[in-house]
Amino acid sequence: MSDHKPPSTLTRARRQHGMASYDPEVIRDVLDRIPLAHIGHLIDGQPVVTATLQWRIGDRIYWHGSSASRMIKAASGAKVCVTVTAVDGMVLARSGLEHSTQYRSVMVFGEAVLLRDPGEKEAALKAMMERLFPGRWDTLRPMTVQELKATAVLSLPISEASAKISAGGPTDPPEDAGWPVWAGVLPMQMVMGVPRPAPDLAPGLAADPPSYLRDFTFG
């Protein structure tokens, strides 16, 4: 991340500094593992958070939506905050105040840029598909001109970003150690289910799902 900036007033952690990371490799790893993002933006002065998929190409992240969506129109050329988070566990302590979670999170700040060149936009959409399901794009029915026109793609540099990683257990004060209640960590993970073929799948495809379905992971 050649243009990665040092922590700014936006990205610098103000509490629990030991959990914060500004390491580009850590930030990239979280972004690549967690495609679900929440885009914070303003619509007519009202804060709005929109859930969508994000993907990374080099030192930028991308997300898409309908060209007619309010989010696309409001975020294009405007300052936004993109957040991705994975919850890895529930931390149960001996007092209510000390309960917490294990998680990995990244926040990216900047001005969203709308991709206007059709070729660049299609390349970005292909990159999204290839990151999720390698090899699938070239097997799909090609996009029509109208479909491409109806889809908008926004981009944001990850030069101003920070990660926060919480991986510890309960931090009860010593005087609570003997309190007679269970304390510890309940690990969490997302598990992929068995692929369910569409009822009108072409003959011969249901028995042999593509390898990218078997290999898909999230988080």
C-alpha atoms as a PDB file:
ATOM      1  CA  MET A   1       0.000   0.000   0.000  1.00  0.00           C
ATOM      2  CA  SER A   2       2.461   2.579  -1.274  1.00  0.00           C
ATOM      3  CA  ASP A   3       0.334   5.645  -0.396  1.00  0.00           C
ATOM      4  CA  HIS A   4      -0.762   4.392   3.015  1.00  0.00           C
ATOM      5  CA  LYS A   5      -0.889   7.298   5.443  1.00  0.00           C
ATOM      6  CA  PRO A   6       0.081   7.273   9.113  1.00  0.00           C
ATOM      7  CA  PRO A   7      -2.845   7.250  11.539  1.00  0.00           C
ATOM      8  CA  SER A   8      -4.954  10.390  11.206  1.00  0.00           C
ATOM      9  CA  THR A   9      -7.533  11.895  13.522  1.00  0.00           C
ATOM     10  CA  LEU A  10     -10.055   9.632  11.773  1.00  0.00           C
ATOM     11  CA  THR A  11      -8.157   6.347  11.859  1.00  0.00           C
ATOM     12  CA  ARG A  12      -6.215   6.599  15.137  1.00  0.00           C
ATOM     13  CA  ALA A  13      -7.733   4.418  17.859  1.00  0.00           C
ATOM     14  CA  ARG A  14      -8.712   6.435  20.896  1.00  0.00           C
ATOM     15  CA  ARG A  15      -9.413   3.496  23.193  1.00  0.00           C
ATOM     16  CA  GLN A  16      -7.853   0.035  23.483  1.00  0.00           C
ATOM     17  CA  HIS A  17      -4.828   1.095  21.448  1.00  0.00           C
ATOM     18  CA  GLY A  18      -3.316  -2.389  21.687  1.00  0.00           C
ATOM     19  CA  MET A  19      -6.072  -3.780  19.463  1.00  0.00           C
ATOM     20  CA  ALA A  20      -5.468  -1.270  16.673  1.00  0.00           C
ATOM     21  CA  SER A  21      -3.317  -1.989  13.624  1.00  0.00           C
ATOM     22  CA  TYR A  22      -2.325   0.305  10.778  1.00  0.00           C
ATOM     23  CA  ASP A  23      -0.286  -2.410   9.058  1.00  0.00           C
ATOM     24  CA  PRO A  24      -1.330  -2.562   5.371  1.00  0.00           C
ATOM     25  CA  GLU A  25      -0.985  -6.363   5.350  1.00  0.00           C
ATOM     26  CA  VAL A  26      -3.368  -6.722   8.288  1.00  0.00           C
ATOM     27  CA  ILE A  27      -5.859  -4.353   6.666  1.00  0.00           C
ATOM     28  CA  ARG A  28      -5.691  -6.183   3.331  1.00  0.00           C
ATOM     29  CA  ASP A  29      -6.147  -9.563   5.007  1.00  0.00           C
ATOM     30  CA  VAL A  30      -9.350  -8.497   6.764  1.00  0.00           C
ATOM     31  CA  LEU A  31     -10.741  -6.889   3.612  1.00  0.00           C
ATOM     32  CA  ASP A  32      -9.981  -9.985   1.535  1.00  0.00           C
ATOM     33  CA  ARG A  33     -11.524 -12.400   4.022  1.00  0.00           C
ATOM     34  CA  ILE A  34     -14.735 -10.491   4.722  1.00  0.00           C
ATOM     35  CA  PRO A  35     -16.678  -9.407   1.629  1.00  0.00           C
ATOM     36  CA  LEU A  36     -19.674  -8.001   3.532  1.00  0.00           C
ATOM     37  CA  ALA A  37     -19.305  -4.252   4.110  1.00  0.00           C
ATOM     38  CA  HIS A  38     -21.374  -1.415   5.518  1.00  0.00           C
ATOM     39  CA  ILE A  39     -21.135   1.942   3.741  1.00  0.00           C
ATOM     40  CA  GLY A  40     -21.733   4.994   5.905  1.00  0.00           C
ATOM     41  CA  HIS A  41     -22.843   8.063   3.966  1.00  0.00           C
ATOM     42  CA  LEU A  42     -25.264  10.987   4.069  1.00  0.00           C
ATOM     43  CA  ILE A  43     -28.563  11.367   2.224  1.00  0.00           C
ATOM     44  CA  ASP A  44     -30.024  14.861   2.543  1.00  0.00           C
ATOM     45  CA  GLY A  45     -28.028  15.337   5.746  1.00  0.00           C
ATOM     46  CA  GLN A  46     -29.325  12.098   7.275  1.00  0.00           C
ATOM     47  CA  PRO A  47     -26.719   9.444   8.208  1.00  0.00           C
ATOM     48  CA  VAL A  48     -27.413   6.169   6.370  1.00  0.00           C
ATOM     49  CA  VAL A  49     -25.549   2.854   6.484  1.00  0.00           C
ATOM     50  CA  THR A  50     -25.946   0.492   3.532  1.00  0.00           C
ATOM     51  CA  ALA A  51     -24.877  -3.155   3.517  1.00  0.00           C
ATOM     52  CA  THR A  52     -23.227  -4.449   0.347  1.00  0.00           C
ATOM     53  CA  LEU A  53     -20.320  -6.567  -0.893  1.00  0.00           C
ATOM     54  CA  GLN A  54     -16.848  -5.085  -1.173  1.00  0.00           C
ATOM     55  CA  TRP A  55     -13.758  -6.416  -2.892  1.00  0.00           C
ATOM     56  CA  ARG A  56     -10.179  -5.247  -3.203  1.00  0.00           C
ATOM     57  CA  ILE A  57      -8.100  -4.636  -6.311  1.00  0.00           C
ATOM     58  CA  GLY A  58      -4.605  -3.530  -5.354  1.00  0.00           C
ATOM     59  CA  ASP A  59      -4.831  -0.521  -3.049  1.00  0.00           C
ATOM     60  CA  ARG A  60      -8.513   0.239  -3.616  1.00  0.00           C
ATOM     61  CA  ILE A  61     -11.780  -1.300  -2.517  1.00  0.00           C
ATOM     62  CA  TYR A  62     -14.879  -1.458  -4.693  1.00  0.00           C
ATOM     63  CA  TRP A  63     -18.594  -1.985  -4.204  1.00  0.00           C
ATOM     64  CA  HIS A  64     -21.554  -1.938  -6.552  1.00  0.00           C
ATOM     65  CA  GLY A  65     -25.257  -1.240  -6.678  1.00  0.00           C
ATOM     66  CA  SER A  66     -28.047  -0.170  -8.942  1.00  0.00           C
ATOM     67  CA  SER A  67     -27.263   2.971 -10.926  1.00  0.00           C
ATOM     68  CA  ALA A  68     -30.576   4.320  -9.639  1.00  0.00           C
ATOM     69  CA  SER A  69     -29.915   3.628  -5.954  1.00  0.00           C
ATOM     70  CA  ARG A  70     -29.853   6.462  -3.437  1.00  0.00           C
ATOM     71  CA  MET A  71     -26.610   5.148  -1.953  1.00  0.00           C
ATOM     72  CA  ILE A  72     -24.754   5.311  -5.270  1.00  0.00           C
ATOM     73  CA  LYS A  73     -25.996   8.818  -5.993  1.00  0.00           C
ATOM     74  CA  ALA A  74     -25.253  10.096  -2.483  1.00  0.00           C
ATOM     75  CA  ALA A  75     -21.852   8.440  -2.078  1.00  0.00           C
ATOM     76  CA  SER A  76     -20.436   9.286  -5.509  1.00  0.00           C
ATOM     77  CA  GLY A  77     -17.862  12.024  -5.045  1.00  0.00           C
ATOM     78  CA  ALA A  78     -18.680  12.266  -1.336  1.00  0.00           C
ATOM     79  CA  LYS A  79     -16.856  11.306   1.836  1.00  0.00           C
ATOM     80  CA  VAL A  80     -17.808   7.867   3.116  1.00  0.00           C
ATOM     81  CA  CYS A  81     -16.794   5.376   5.779  1.00  0.00           C
ATOM     82  CA  VAL A  82     -16.620   1.709   4.804  1.00  0.00           C
ATOM     83  CA  THR A  83     -16.556  -0.873   7.599  1.00  0.00           C
ATOM     84  CA  VAL A  84     -16.085  -4.636   7.431  1.00  0.00           C
ATOM     85  CA  THR A  85     -16.329  -6.841  10.514  1.00  0.00           C
ATOM     86  CA  ALA A  86     -16.160 -10.522  11.397  1.00  0.00           C
ATOM     87  CA  VAL A  87     -17.243 -11.764  14.829  1.00  0.00           C
ATOM     88  CA  ASP A  88     -15.049 -14.650  15.995  1.00  0.00           C
ATOM     89  CA  GLY A  89     -16.387 -15.286  19.471  1.00  0.00           C
ATOM     90  CA  MET A  90     -18.448 -14.153  22.426  1.00  0.00           C
ATOM     91  CA  VAL A  91     -16.437 -13.341  25.541  1.00  0.00           C
ATOM     92  CA  LEU A  92     -18.293 -14.100  28.768  1.00  0.00           C
ATOM     93  CA  ALA A  93     -16.936 -12.540  31.932  1.00  0.00           C
ATOM     94  CA  ARG A  94     -17.968 -12.628  35.581  1.00  0.00           C
ATOM     95  CA  SER A  95     -19.622  -9.218  35.453  1.00  0.00           C
ATOM     96  CA  GLY A  96     -21.856  -7.687  32.820  1.00  0.00           C
ATOM     97  CA  LEU A  97     -19.494  -4.804  32.144  1.00  0.00           C
ATOM     98  CA  GLU A  98     -16.588  -7.059  31.165  1.00  0.00           C
ATOM     99  CA  HIS A  99     -18.487  -9.068  28.521  1.00  0.00           C
ATOM    100  CA  SER A 100     -17.200  -8.451  25.005  1.00  0.00           C
ATOM    101  CA  THR A 101     -16.564 -10.079  21.637  1.00  0.00           C
ATOM    102  CA  GLN A 102     -13.652 -11.382  19.646  1.00  0.00           C
ATOM    103  CA  TYR A 103     -13.652  -9.687  16.250  1.00  0.00           C
ATOM    104  CA  ARG A 104     -11.657  -8.414  13.276  1.00  0.00           C
ATOM    105  CA  SER A 105     -12.679  -5.093  11.793  1.00  0.00           C
ATOM    106  CA  VAL A 106     -11.435  -2.517   9.297  1.00  0.00           C
ATOM    107  CA  MET A 107     -12.604   1.031   8.707  1.00  0.00           C
ATOM    108  CA  VAL A 108     -11.728   2.897   5.501  1.00  0.00           C
ATOM    109  CA  PHE A 109     -12.301   6.616   5.051  1.00  0.00           C
ATOM    110  CA  GLY A 110     -12.197   8.669   1.880  1.00  0.00           C
ATOM    111  CA  GLU A 111     -14.023  10.093  -1.101  1.00  0.00           C
ATOM    112  CA  ALA A 112     -15.874   7.523  -3.185  1.00  0.00           C
ATOM    113  CA  VAL A 113     -15.229   7.609  -6.931  1.00  0.00           C
ATOM    114  CA  LEU A 114     -17.803   6.456  -9.477  1.00  0.00           C
ATOM    115  CA  LEU A 115     -16.384   4.327 -12.297  1.00  0.00           C
ATOM    116  CA  ARG A 116     -17.616   5.830 -15.555  1.00  0.00           C
ATOM    117  CA  ASP A 117     -15.674   3.887 -18.182  1.00  0.00           C
ATOM    118  CA  PRO A 118     -17.721   0.759 -19.166  1.00  0.00           C
ATOM    119  CA  GLY A 119     -14.587  -1.322 -19.680  1.00  0.00           C
ATOM    120  CA  GLU A 120     -13.173  -0.399 -16.282  1.00  0.00           C
ATOM    121  CA  LYS A 121     -16.519  -1.081 -14.660  1.00  0.00           C
ATOM    122  CA  GLU A 122     -16.846  -4.524 -16.256  1.00  0.00           C
ATOM    123  CA  ALA A 123     -13.267  -5.384 -15.235  1.00  0.00           C
ATOM    124  CA  ALA A 124     -14.074  -4.433 -11.638  1.00  0.00           C
ATOM    125  CA  LEU A 125     -17.208  -6.606 -11.627  1.00  0.00           C
ATOM    126  CA  LYS A 126     -15.221  -9.507 -13.034  1.00  0.00           C
ATOM    127  CA  ALA A 127     -12.659  -9.046 -10.267  1.00  0.00           C
ATOM    128  CA  MET A 128     -15.460  -9.269  -7.692  1.00  0.00           C
ATOM    129  CA  MET A 129     -16.718 -12.546  -9.124  1.00  0.00           C
ATOM    130  CA  GLU A 130     -13.221 -13.997  -9.449  1.00  0.00           C
ATOM    131  CA  ARG A 131     -12.380 -13.141  -5.851  1.00  0.00           C
ATOM    132  CA  LEU A 132     -15.507 -14.913  -4.609  1.00  0.00           C
ATOM    133  CA  PHE A 133     -15.708 -17.780  -7.115  1.00  0.00           C
ATOM    134  CA  PRO A 134     -12.489 -18.169  -9.135  1.00  0.00           C
ATOM    135  CA  GLY A 135     -13.119 -19.261 -12.711  1.00  0.00           C
ATOM    136  CA  ARG A 136     -16.864 -18.576 -12.712  1.00  0.00           C
ATOM    137  CA  TRP A 137     -16.960 -15.308 -14.684  1.00  0.00           C
ATOM    138  CA  ASP A 138     -15.877 -16.823 -17.989  1.00  0.00           C
ATOM    139  CA  THR A 139     -18.619 -19.475 -17.762  1.00  0.00           C
ATOM    140  CA  LEU A 140     -21.436 -16.939 -17.329  1.00  0.00           C
ATOM    141  CA  ARG A 141     -23.700 -15.506 -19.974  1.00  0.00           C
ATOM    142  CA  PRO A 142     -21.983 -12.228 -20.960  1.00  0.00           C
ATOM    143  CA  MET A 143     -23.407  -9.004 -19.542  1.00  0.00           C
ATOM    144  CA  THR A 144     -25.539  -6.950 -21.871  1.00  0.00           C
ATOM    145  CA  VAL A 145     -24.925  -3.270 -22.500  1.00  0.00           C
ATOM    146  CA  GLN A 146     -28.109  -2.453 -20.593  1.00  0.00           C
ATOM    147  CA  GLU A 147     -27.106  -4.581 -17.596  1.00  0.00           C
ATOM    148  CA  LEU A 148     -23.749  -2.843 -17.411  1.00  0.00           C
ATOM    149  CA  LYS A 149     -25.431   0.546 -17.694  1.00  0.00           C
ATOM    150  CA  ALA A 150     -27.843  -0.342 -14.885  1.00  0.00           C
ATOM    151  CA  THR A 151     -24.991  -1.323 -12.548  1.00  0.00           C
ATOM    152  CA  ALA A 152     -22.842   1.282 -10.817  1.00  0.00           C
ATOM    153  CA  VAL A 153     -19.454   0.647  -9.216  1.00  0.00           C
ATOM    154  CA  LEU A 154     -17.814   2.880  -6.618  1.00  0.00           C
ATOM    155  CA  SER A 155     -14.169   2.815  -5.590  1.00  0.00           C
ATOM    156  CA  LEU A 156     -12.237   4.059  -2.586  1.00  0.00           C
ATOM    157  CA  PRO A 157      -8.494   4.117  -1.863  1.00  0.00           C
ATOM    158  CA  ILE A 158      -7.466   2.267   1.287  1.00  0.00           C
ATOM    159  CA  SER A 159      -4.738   4.780   2.052  1.00  0.00           C
ATOM    160  CA  GLU A 160      -6.609   6.031   5.121  1.00  0.00           C
ATOM    161  CA  ALA A 161      -7.655   2.916   6.993  1.00  0.00           C
ATOM    162  CA  SER A 162      -7.203   1.086  10.259  1.00  0.00           C
ATOM    163  CA  ALA A 163      -7.878  -2.360  11.625  1.00  0.00           C
ATOM    164  CA  LYS A 164      -8.941  -3.424  15.076  1.00  0.00           C
ATOM    165  CA  ILE A 165      -8.421  -6.991  16.252  1.00  0.00           C
ATOM    166  CA  SER A 166      -9.878  -8.337  19.479  1.00  0.00           C
ATOM    167  CA  ALA A 167      -8.766 -11.895  20.226  1.00  0.00           C
ATOM    168  CA  GLY A 168      -8.460 -12.136  24.000  1.00  0.00           C
ATOM    169  CA  GLY A 169     -10.538 -13.696  26.729  1.00  0.00           C
ATOM    170  CA  PRO A 170     -12.369 -12.133  29.660  1.00  0.00           C
ATOM    171  CA  THR A 171     -10.464  -9.461  31.572  1.00  0.00           C
ATOM    172  CA  ASP A 172     -12.062  -9.828  34.967  1.00  0.00           C
ATOM    173  CA  PRO A 173     -10.398  -8.015  37.860  1.00  0.00           C
ATOM    174  CA  PRO A 174      -8.581 -10.389  40.249  1.00  0.00           C
ATOM    175  CA  GLU A 175     -11.224  -9.991  42.947  1.00  0.00           C
ATOM    176  CA  ASP A 176     -13.853 -11.508  40.598  1.00  0.00           C
ATOM    177  CA  ALA A 177     -11.868 -14.659  39.822  1.00  0.00           C
ATOM    178  CA  GLY A 178     -13.697 -16.783  42.377  1.00  0.00           C
ATOM    179  CA  TRP A 179     -17.207 -15.668  41.468  1.00  0.00           C
ATOM    180  CA  PRO A 180     -19.268 -18.846  40.818  1.00  0.00           C
ATOM    181  CA  VAL A 181     -20.318 -18.274  37.205  1.00  0.00           C
ATOM    182  CA  TRP A 182     -18.973 -19.673  33.934  1.00  0.00           C
ATOM    183  CA  ALA A 183     -16.473 -17.408  32.174  1.00  0.00           C
ATOM    184  CA  GLY A 184     -14.540 -17.876  28.948  1.00  0.00           C
ATOM    185  CA  VAL A 185     -14.973 -17.678  25.182  1.00  0.00           C
ATOM    186  CA  LEU A 186     -17.693 -19.108  22.949  1.00  0.00           C
ATOM    187  CA  PRO A 187     -15.961 -19.394  19.546  1.00  0.00           C
ATOM    188  CA  MET A 188     -17.975 -18.560  16.433  1.00  0.00           C
ATOM    189  CA  GLN A 189     -17.389 -19.330  12.793  1.00  0.00           C
ATOM    190  CA  MET A 190     -19.373 -19.281   9.571  1.00  0.00           C
ATOM    191  CA  VAL A 191     -19.807 -22.735   8.057  1.00  0.00           C
ATOM    192  CA  MET A 192     -20.828 -23.263   4.435  1.00  0.00           C
ATOM    193  CA  GLY A 193     -23.757 -25.574   3.806  1.00  0.00           C
ATOM    194  CA  VAL A 194     -24.356 -28.113   1.051  1.00  0.00           C
ATOM    195  CA  PRO A 195     -24.946 -26.369  -2.309  1.00  0.00           C
ATOM    196  CA  ARG A 196     -28.608 -26.498  -3.374  1.00  0.00           C
ATOM    197  CA  PRO A 197     -28.994 -26.527  -7.162  1.00  0.00           C
ATOM    198  CA  ALA A 198     -31.669 -24.445  -8.874  1.00  0.00           C
ATOM    199  CA  PRO A 199     -34.688 -26.586  -9.865  1.00  0.00           C
ATOM    200  CA  ASP A 200     -34.228 -25.661 -13.539  1.00  0.00           C
ATOM    201  CA  LEU A 201     -30.485 -26.392 -13.633  1.00  0.00           C
ATOM    202  CA  ALA A 202     -29.204 -27.627 -16.992  1.00  0.00           C
ATOM    203  CA  PRO A 203     -28.958 -31.457 -17.192  1.00  0.00           C
ATOM    204  CA  GLY A 204     -25.832 -33.014 -15.711  1.00  0.00           C
ATOM    205  CA  LEU A 205     -24.761 -30.063 -13.568  1.00  0.00           C
ATOM    206  CA  ALA A 206     -26.416 -30.936 -10.263  1.00  0.00           C
ATOM    207  CA  ALA A 207     -24.278 -34.011  -9.589  1.00  0.00           C
ATOM    208  CA  ASP A 208     -20.937 -32.207  -9.875  1.00  0.00           C
ATOM    209  CA  PRO A 209     -20.884 -28.755  -8.181  1.00  0.00           C
ATOM    210  CA  PRO A 210     -17.968 -26.501  -9.221  1.00  0.00           C
ATOM    211  CA  SER A 211     -14.860 -26.646  -7.063  1.00  0.00           C
ATOM    212  CA  TYR A 212     -15.249 -22.978  -6.085  1.00  0.00           C
ATOM    213  CA  LEU A 213     -18.402 -23.926  -4.153  1.00  0.00           C
ATOM    214  CA  ARG A 214     -16.509 -26.545  -2.175  1.00  0.00           C
ATOM    215  CA  ASP A 215     -13.603 -24.147  -1.549  1.00  0.00           C
ATOM    216  CA  PHE A 216     -15.602 -21.044  -0.646  1.00  0.00           C
ATOM    217  CA  THR A 217     -14.853 -19.515   2.752  1.00  0.00           C
ATOM    218  CA  PHE A 218     -16.112 -16.409   4.530  1.00  0.00           C
ATOM    219  CA  GLY A 219     -14.268 -14.670   7.307  1.00  0.00           C
END
